[in-house]
Structures are given as C-alpha cells and as structure tokens.
PDB file of N, CA and C in Angstrom:
ATOM      1  N   MET A   1     -10.766   3.816 -10.754  1.00  0.00           N
ATOM      2  CA  MET A   1      -9.272   4.017 -10.965  1.00  0.00           C
ATOM      3  C   MET A   1      -9.226   2.582 -11.760  1.00  0.00           C
ATOM      4  N   LEU A   2      -8.602   2.807 -12.784  1.00  0.00           N
ATOM      5  CA  LEU A   2      -8.132   1.730 -13.898  1.00  0.00           C
ATOM      6  C   LEU A   2      -6.958   1.154 -13.377  1.00  0.00           C
ATOM      7  N   LYS A   3      -6.370  -0.019 -13.559  1.00  0.00           N
ATOM      8  CA  LYS A   3      -5.123  -0.508 -13.161  1.00  0.00           C
ATOM      9  C   LYS A   3      -4.268   0.060 -13.968  1.00  0.00           C
ATOM     10  N   SER A   4      -4.474   0.491 -15.255  1.00  0.00           N
ATOM     11  CA  SER A   4      -3.499   1.085 -16.163  1.00  0.00           C
ATOM     12  C   SER A   4      -2.781   2.307 -15.663  1.00  0.00           C
ATOM     13  N   ASP A   5      -3.763   3.075 -14.754  1.00  0.00           N
ATOM     14  CA  ASP A   5      -3.198   4.167 -14.099  1.00  0.00           C
ATOM     15  C   ASP A   5      -2.184   3.978 -13.038  1.00  0.00           C
ATOM     16  N   LEU A   6      -1.955   2.876 -12.660  1.00  0.00           N
ATOM     17  CA  LEU A   6      -0.941   2.381 -11.667  1.00  0.00           C
ATOM     18  C   LEU A   6       0.397   1.984 -12.520  1.00  0.00           C
ATOM     19  N   THR A   7       1.461   2.302 -11.477  1.00  0.00           N
ATOM     20  CA  THR A   7       2.807   1.725 -11.853  1.00  0.00           C
ATOM     21  C   THR A   7       2.661   0.486 -11.290  1.00  0.00           C
ATOM     22  N   ALA A   8       3.587  -0.484 -11.757  1.00  0.00           N
ATOM     23  CA  ALA A   8       3.960  -1.662 -11.442  1.00  0.00           C
ATOM     24  C   ALA A   8       4.040  -1.815  -9.969  1.00  0.00           C
ATOM     25  N   THR A   9       4.738  -0.869  -9.344  1.00  0.00           N
ATOM     26  CA  THR A   9       5.142  -0.956  -8.143  1.00  0.00           C
ATOM     27  C   THR A   9       3.976  -0.573  -7.046  1.00  0.00           C
ATOM     28  N   GLU A  10       3.236   0.458  -7.376  1.00  0.00           N
ATOM     29  CA  GLU A  10       1.678   0.538  -6.944  1.00  0.00           C
ATOM     30  C   GLU A  10       0.823  -0.573  -6.915  1.00  0.00           C
ATOM     31  N   GLN A  11       0.973  -1.101  -8.064  1.00  0.00           N
ATOM     32  CA  GLN A  11      -0.006  -2.270  -8.094  1.00  0.00           C
ATOM     33  C   GLN A  11       0.527  -3.451  -7.353  1.00  0.00           C
ATOM     34  N   SER A  12       1.790  -3.681  -7.243  1.00  0.00           N
ATOM     35  CA  SER A  12       2.487  -4.626  -6.236  1.00  0.00           C
ATOM     36  C   SER A  12       1.814  -4.270  -4.861  1.00  0.00           C
ATOM     37  N   VAL A  13       1.831  -3.179  -4.485  1.00  0.00           N
ATOM     38  CA  VAL A  13       1.357  -2.881  -2.896  1.00  0.00           C
ATOM     39  C   VAL A  13       0.180  -2.975  -3.171  1.00  0.00           C
ATOM     40  N   LEU A  14      -0.625  -2.693  -3.861  1.00  0.00           N
ATOM     41  CA  LEU A  14      -2.207  -2.957  -3.888  1.00  0.00           C
ATOM     42  C   LEU A  14      -2.717  -4.244  -3.738  1.00  0.00           C
ATOM     43  N   ASN A  15      -1.959  -5.234  -4.526  1.00  0.00           N
ATOM     44  CA  ASN A  15      -2.109  -6.475  -4.417  1.00  0.00           C
ATOM     45  C   ASN A  15      -1.869  -7.012  -3.019  1.00  0.00           C
ATOM     46  N   ALA A  16      -1.005  -6.527  -2.370  1.00  0.00           N
ATOM     47  CA  ALA A  16      -0.321  -7.075  -1.174  1.00  0.00           C
ATOM     48  C   ALA A  16      -1.599  -6.909  -0.215  1.00  0.00           C
ATOM     49  N   VAL A  17      -2.460  -5.512  -0.274  1.00  0.00           N
ATOM     50  CA  VAL A  17      -3.188  -5.323   0.561  1.00  0.00           C
ATOM     51  C   VAL A  17      -4.646  -5.623   0.313  1.00  0.00           C
ATOM     52  N   ARG A  18      -4.796  -6.315  -0.794  1.00  0.00           N
ATOM     53  CA  ARG A  18      -5.999  -6.875  -1.379  1.00  0.00           C
ATOM     54  C   ARG A  18      -6.431  -7.985  -0.221  1.00  0.00           C
ATOM     55  N   GLU A  19      -5.697  -8.932  -0.119  1.00  0.00           N
ATOM     56  CA  GLU A  19      -5.791 -10.186   0.536  1.00  0.00           C
ATOM     57  C   GLU A  19      -6.232  -9.920   2.256  1.00  0.00           C
ATOM     58  N   GLU A  20      -5.394  -8.967   2.732  1.00  0.00           N
ATOM     59  CA  GLU A  20      -5.650  -8.687   4.093  1.00  0.00           C
ATOM     60  C   GLU A  20      -4.940  -7.231   4.556  1.00  0.00           C
ATOM     61  N   HIS A  21      -5.499  -6.815   5.669  1.00  0.00           N
ATOM     62  CA  HIS A  21      -5.073  -5.361   6.202  1.00  0.00           C
ATOM     63  C   HIS A  21      -3.834  -5.568   6.510  1.00  0.00           C
ATOM     64  N   LEU A  22      -2.574  -4.719   6.201  1.00  0.00           N
ATOM     65  CA  LEU A  22      -1.287  -4.881   6.503  1.00  0.00           C
ATOM     66  C   LEU A  22      -0.786  -3.346   7.109  1.00  0.00           C
ATOM     67  N   THR A  23       0.296  -3.455   7.948  1.00  0.00           N
ATOM     68  CA  THR A  23       0.883  -2.266   8.456  1.00  0.00           C
ATOM     69  C   THR A  23       1.995  -2.101   7.351  1.00  0.00           C
ATOM     70  N   SER A  24       2.499  -0.930   7.485  1.00  0.00           N
ATOM     71  CA  SER A  24       3.497  -0.515   6.392  1.00  0.00           C
ATOM     72  C   SER A  24       4.990  -1.633   6.452  1.00  0.00           C
ATOM     73  N   PHE A  25       5.145  -2.133   7.442  1.00  0.00           N
ATOM     74  CA  PHE A  25       6.167  -2.699   7.717  1.00  0.00           C
ATOM     75  C   PHE A  25       5.883  -4.394   7.103  1.00  0.00           C
ATOM     76  N   GLU A  26       4.574  -4.680   7.305  1.00  0.00           N
ATOM     77  CA  GLU A  26       4.284  -6.035   6.826  1.00  0.00           C
ATOM     78  C   GLU A  26       4.187  -5.916   5.065  1.00  0.00           C
ATOM     79  N   ILE A  27       3.856  -4.646   4.821  1.00  0.00           N
ATOM     80  CA  ILE A  27       3.669  -4.528   3.218  1.00  0.00           C
ATOM     81  C   ILE A  27       5.267  -4.380   2.516  1.00  0.00           C
ATOM     82  N   LEU A  28       6.111  -3.763   3.418  1.00  0.00           N
ATOM     83  CA  LEU A  28       7.398  -3.914   2.979  1.00  0.00           C
ATOM     84  C   LEU A  28       8.032  -5.041   2.676  1.00  0.00           C
ATOM     85  N   LYS A  29       7.727  -6.221   3.864  1.00  0.00           N
ATOM     86  CA  LYS A  29       8.078  -7.418   3.924  1.00  0.00           C
ATOM     87  C   LYS A  29       7.575  -8.216   2.485  1.00  0.00           C
ATOM     88  N   LYS A  30       6.378  -7.866   2.283  1.00  0.00           N
ATOM     89  CA  LYS A  30       5.852  -8.937   1.220  1.00  0.00           C
ATOM     90  C   LYS A  30       6.009  -8.282  -0.313  1.00  0.00           C
ATOM     91  N   VAL A  31       6.352  -7.066  -0.376  1.00  0.00           N
ATOM     92  CA  VAL A  31       6.543  -6.518  -1.532  1.00  0.00           C
ATOM     93  C   VAL A  31       8.059  -6.373  -1.879  1.00  0.00           C
ATOM     94  N   GLU A  32       8.456  -7.433  -3.035  1.00  0.00           N
ATOM     95  CA  GLU A  32       9.705  -7.394  -3.111  1.00  0.00           C
ATOM     96  C   GLU A  32      10.281  -5.984  -3.933  1.00  0.00           C
ATOM     97  N   ASN A  33       9.703  -5.284  -4.693  1.00  0.00           N
ATOM     98  CA  ASN A  33      10.258  -4.318  -5.511  1.00  0.00           C
ATOM     99  C   ASN A  33      10.169  -2.800  -4.701  1.00  0.00           C
ATOM    100  N   VAL A  34       9.871  -2.969  -3.519  1.00  0.00           N
ATOM    101  CA  VAL A  34      10.351  -1.649  -2.810  1.00  0.00           C
ATOM    102  C   VAL A  34      11.018  -2.210  -1.666  1.00  0.00           C
ATOM    103  N   SER A  35      12.419  -1.267  -1.695  1.00  0.00           N
ATOM    104  CA  SER A  35      13.318  -1.714  -0.428  1.00  0.00           C
ATOM    105  C   SER A  35      13.534  -0.958   0.543  1.00  0.00           C
ATOM    106  N   LEU A  36      12.835   0.454   0.547  1.00  0.00           N
ATOM    107  CA  LEU A  36      13.047   1.429   1.604  1.00  0.00           C
ATOM    108  C   LEU A  36      11.501   1.731   2.108  1.00  0.00           C
ATOM    109  N   ILE A  37      11.404   2.000   3.232  1.00  0.00           N
ATOM    110  CA  ILE A  37      10.347   2.246   3.905  1.00  0.00           C
ATOM    111  C   ILE A  37       9.615   3.767   3.553  1.00  0.00           C
ATOM    112  N   LEU A  38      10.900   4.665   3.195  1.00  0.00           N
ATOM    113  CA  LEU A  38      10.405   6.098   2.752  1.00  0.00           C
ATOM    114  C   LEU A  38       9.903   5.911   1.561  1.00  0.00           C
ATOM    115  N   SER A  39      10.072   5.144   0.730  1.00  0.00           N
ATOM    116  CA  SER A  39       9.695   4.787  -0.842  1.00  0.00           C
ATOM    117  C   SER A  39       8.296   4.287  -0.541  1.00  0.00           C
ATOM    118  N   LEU A  40       8.054   3.551   0.372  1.00  0.00           N
ATOM    119  CA  LEU A  40       6.740   2.903   0.653  1.00  0.00           C
ATOM    120  C   LEU A  40       5.589   3.607   1.084  1.00  0.00           C
ATOM    121  N   TYR A  41       5.886   4.880   2.039  1.00  0.00           N
ATOM    122  CA  TYR A  41       5.234   5.675   2.237  1.00  0.00           C
ATOM    123  C   TYR A  41       4.851   6.593   1.066  1.00  0.00           C
ATOM    124  N   ASN A  42       5.783   7.228   0.438  1.00  0.00           N
ATOM    125  CA  ASN A  42       5.378   7.598  -0.970  1.00  0.00           C
ATOM    126  C   ASN A  42       4.340   6.928  -1.806  1.00  0.00           C
ATOM    127  N   ILE A  43       4.557   5.816  -1.864  1.00  0.00           N
ATOM    128  CA  ILE A  43       3.555   4.987  -2.775  1.00  0.00           C
ATOM    129  C   ILE A  43       2.179   4.846  -2.115  1.00  0.00           C
ATOM    130  N   LEU A  44       2.289   4.686  -0.774  1.00  0.00           N
ATOM    131  CA  LEU A  44       0.973   4.781  -0.232  1.00  0.00           C
ATOM    132  C   LEU A  44       0.155   6.050  -0.028  1.00  0.00           C
ATOM    133  N   ASP A  45       1.131   7.186  -0.077  1.00  0.00           N
ATOM    134  CA  ASP A  45       0.386   8.316  -0.379  1.00  0.00           C
ATOM    135  C   ASP A  45      -0.438   8.533  -1.488  1.00  0.00           C
ATOM    136  N   LYS A  46       0.350   7.984  -2.593  1.00  0.00           N
ATOM    137  CA  LYS A  46       0.199   8.245  -4.229  1.00  0.00           C
ATOM    138  C   LYS A  46      -1.417   7.339  -4.167  1.00  0.00           C
ATOM    139  N   LEU A  47      -1.408   6.041  -3.820  1.00  0.00           N
ATOM    140  CA  LEU A  47      -2.600   5.128  -4.014  1.00  0.00           C
ATOM    141  C   LEU A  47      -3.779   5.705  -2.975  1.00  0.00           C
ATOM    142  N   ASN A  48      -3.322   6.406  -1.787  1.00  0.00           N
ATOM    143  CA  ASN A  48      -4.468   7.003  -1.006  1.00  0.00           C
ATOM    144  C   ASN A  48      -5.426   7.941  -1.987  1.00  0.00           C
ATOM    145  N   SER A  49      -4.288   9.091  -2.517  1.00  0.00           N
ATOM    146  CA  SER A  49      -4.834  10.089  -3.329  1.00  0.00           C
ATOM    147  C   SER A  49      -5.468   9.647  -4.526  1.00  0.00           C
ATOM    148  N   LYS A  50      -5.199   8.523  -4.964  1.00  0.00           N
ATOM    149  CA  LYS A  50      -5.834   8.075  -6.450  1.00  0.00           C
ATOM    150  C   LYS A  50      -7.414   7.389  -5.872  1.00  0.00           C
ATOM    151  N   GLY A  51      -7.263   7.367  -4.589  1.00  0.00           N
ATOM    152  CA  GLY A  51      -8.629   6.481  -4.237  1.00  0.00           C
ATOM    153  C   GLY A  51      -8.576   5.043  -4.148  1.00  0.00           C
ATOM    154  N   VAL A  52      -7.486   4.303  -3.967  1.00  0.00           N
ATOM    155  CA  VAL A  52      -7.895   2.798  -4.212  1.00  0.00           C
ATOM    156  C   VAL A  52      -7.169   2.233  -2.866  1.00  0.00           C
ATOM    157  N   LEU A  53      -6.611   3.138  -2.031  1.00  0.00           N
ATOM    158  CA  LEU A  53      -6.073   2.621  -0.544  1.00  0.00           C
ATOM    159  C   LEU A  53      -6.734   3.223   0.446  1.00  0.00           C
ATOM    160  N   LYS A  54      -7.152   2.788   1.728  1.00  0.00           N
ATOM    161  CA  LYS A  54      -7.744   3.121   2.874  1.00  0.00           C
ATOM    162  C   LYS A  54      -6.699   3.124   3.822  1.00  0.00           C
ATOM    163  N   SER A  55      -6.571   3.754   5.119  1.00  0.00           N
ATOM    164  CA  SER A  55      -5.949   3.176   6.134  1.00  0.00           C
ATOM    165  C   SER A  55      -6.914   3.647   7.472  1.00  0.00           C
ATOM    166  N   TYR A  56      -6.499   2.945   8.400  1.00  0.00           N
ATOM    167  CA  TYR A  56      -7.014   3.331   9.501  1.00  0.00           C
ATOM    168  C   TYR A  56      -6.014   2.726  10.924  1.00  0.00           C
ATOM    169  N   MET A  57      -5.956   3.301  12.065  1.00  0.00           N
ATOM    170  CA  MET A  57      -5.583   3.201  13.380  1.00  0.00           C
ATOM    171  C   MET A  57      -6.145   2.033  14.144  1.00  0.00           C
ATOM    172  N   LYS A  58      -5.394   0.924  14.549  1.00  0.00           N
ATOM    173  CA  LYS A  58      -5.823   0.105  15.492  1.00  0.00           C
ATOM    174  C   LYS A  58      -4.535  -0.263  16.488  1.00  0.00           C
ATOM    175  N   GLN A  59      -4.861  -0.213  17.787  1.00  0.00           N
ATOM    176  CA  GLN A  59      -3.914  -0.590  18.718  1.00  0.00           C
ATOM    177  C   GLN A  59      -2.590   0.284  18.480  1.00  0.00           C
ATOM    178  N   ASN A  60      -2.498   1.517  18.086  1.00  0.00           N
ATOM    179  CA  ASN A  60      -1.338   2.199  17.722  1.00  0.00           C
ATOM    180  C   ASN A  60      -0.736   1.954  16.771  1.00  0.00           C
ATOM    181  N   ARG A  61      -1.290   1.140  15.602  1.00  0.00           N
ATOM    182  CA  ARG A  61      -0.798   0.988  14.396  1.00  0.00           C
ATOM    183  C   ARG A  61      -1.427   1.152  13.146  1.00  0.00           C
ATOM    184  N   LYS A  62      -0.998   1.800  12.217  1.00  0.00           N
ATOM    185  CA  LYS A  62      -1.836   2.252  10.838  1.00  0.00           C
ATOM    186  C   LYS A  62      -1.719   0.841   9.991  1.00  0.00           C
ATOM    187  N   TYR A  63      -3.062   0.413   9.751  1.00  0.00           N
ATOM    188  CA  TYR A  63      -3.310  -0.641   8.735  1.00  0.00           C
ATOM    189  C   TYR A  63      -3.735  -0.049   7.416  1.00  0.00           C
ATOM    190  N   HIS A  64      -3.361  -0.655   6.360  1.00  0.00           N
ATOM    191  CA  HIS A  64      -3.793  -0.128   4.995  1.00  0.00           C
ATOM    192  C   HIS A  64      -4.486  -1.127   4.425  1.00  0.00           C
ATOM    193  N   TYR A  65      -5.629  -0.911   3.524  1.00  0.00           N
ATOM    194  CA  TYR A  65      -6.425  -2.015   2.668  1.00  0.00           C
ATOM    195  C   TYR A  65      -6.634  -1.459   1.430  1.00  0.00           C
ATOM    196  N   ALA A  66      -6.919  -2.265   0.298  1.00  0.00           N
ATOM    197  CA  ALA A  66      -7.231  -1.781  -0.875  1.00  0.00           C
ATOM    198  C   ALA A  66      -8.918  -1.234  -0.738  1.00  0.00           C
ATOM    199  N   ALA A  67      -9.193  -0.252  -1.379  1.00  0.00           N
ATOM    200  CA  ALA A  67     -10.507   0.508  -1.327  1.00  0.00           C
ATOM    201  C   ALA A  67     -11.468  -0.393  -2.261  1.00  0.00           C
TER     202      ALA A  67
END
C-alpha cells in the first residue's frame, strides 16, 4: 500500500497507531481532523480493507495498529 493511496485523514489515523496500539476512542482524541466516532469507524474499516491496519481484542477492548 502506497501512502499516496491514502487520504489525508486516513494517513493521520495511520500515523497515530504507528507509535502505539490504540483503542478507537484514543485515536479519536489524538487525531484532530476526525470529530465523530462514526466517521472514525468508517476510516478504520477502509484502512483495514486496504491492508494497512490490523485490530485485536484485549480485555474487552478493540485495539488498532499499523500493519
């Protein structure tokens, strides 16, 4: 996946999870250009479909990280 295939918002989300594994709420707090959790869920789904984001469950929380 080339960076040029990502929107600016998708790149911002991906940059946030490159440093550490984060929950959706933690990503929402870190990324300024995403204001609604539903928008973030759509972005996470797109990044997962593009193969650049992975997720896992730990203690009933879903964490996301850059693949």
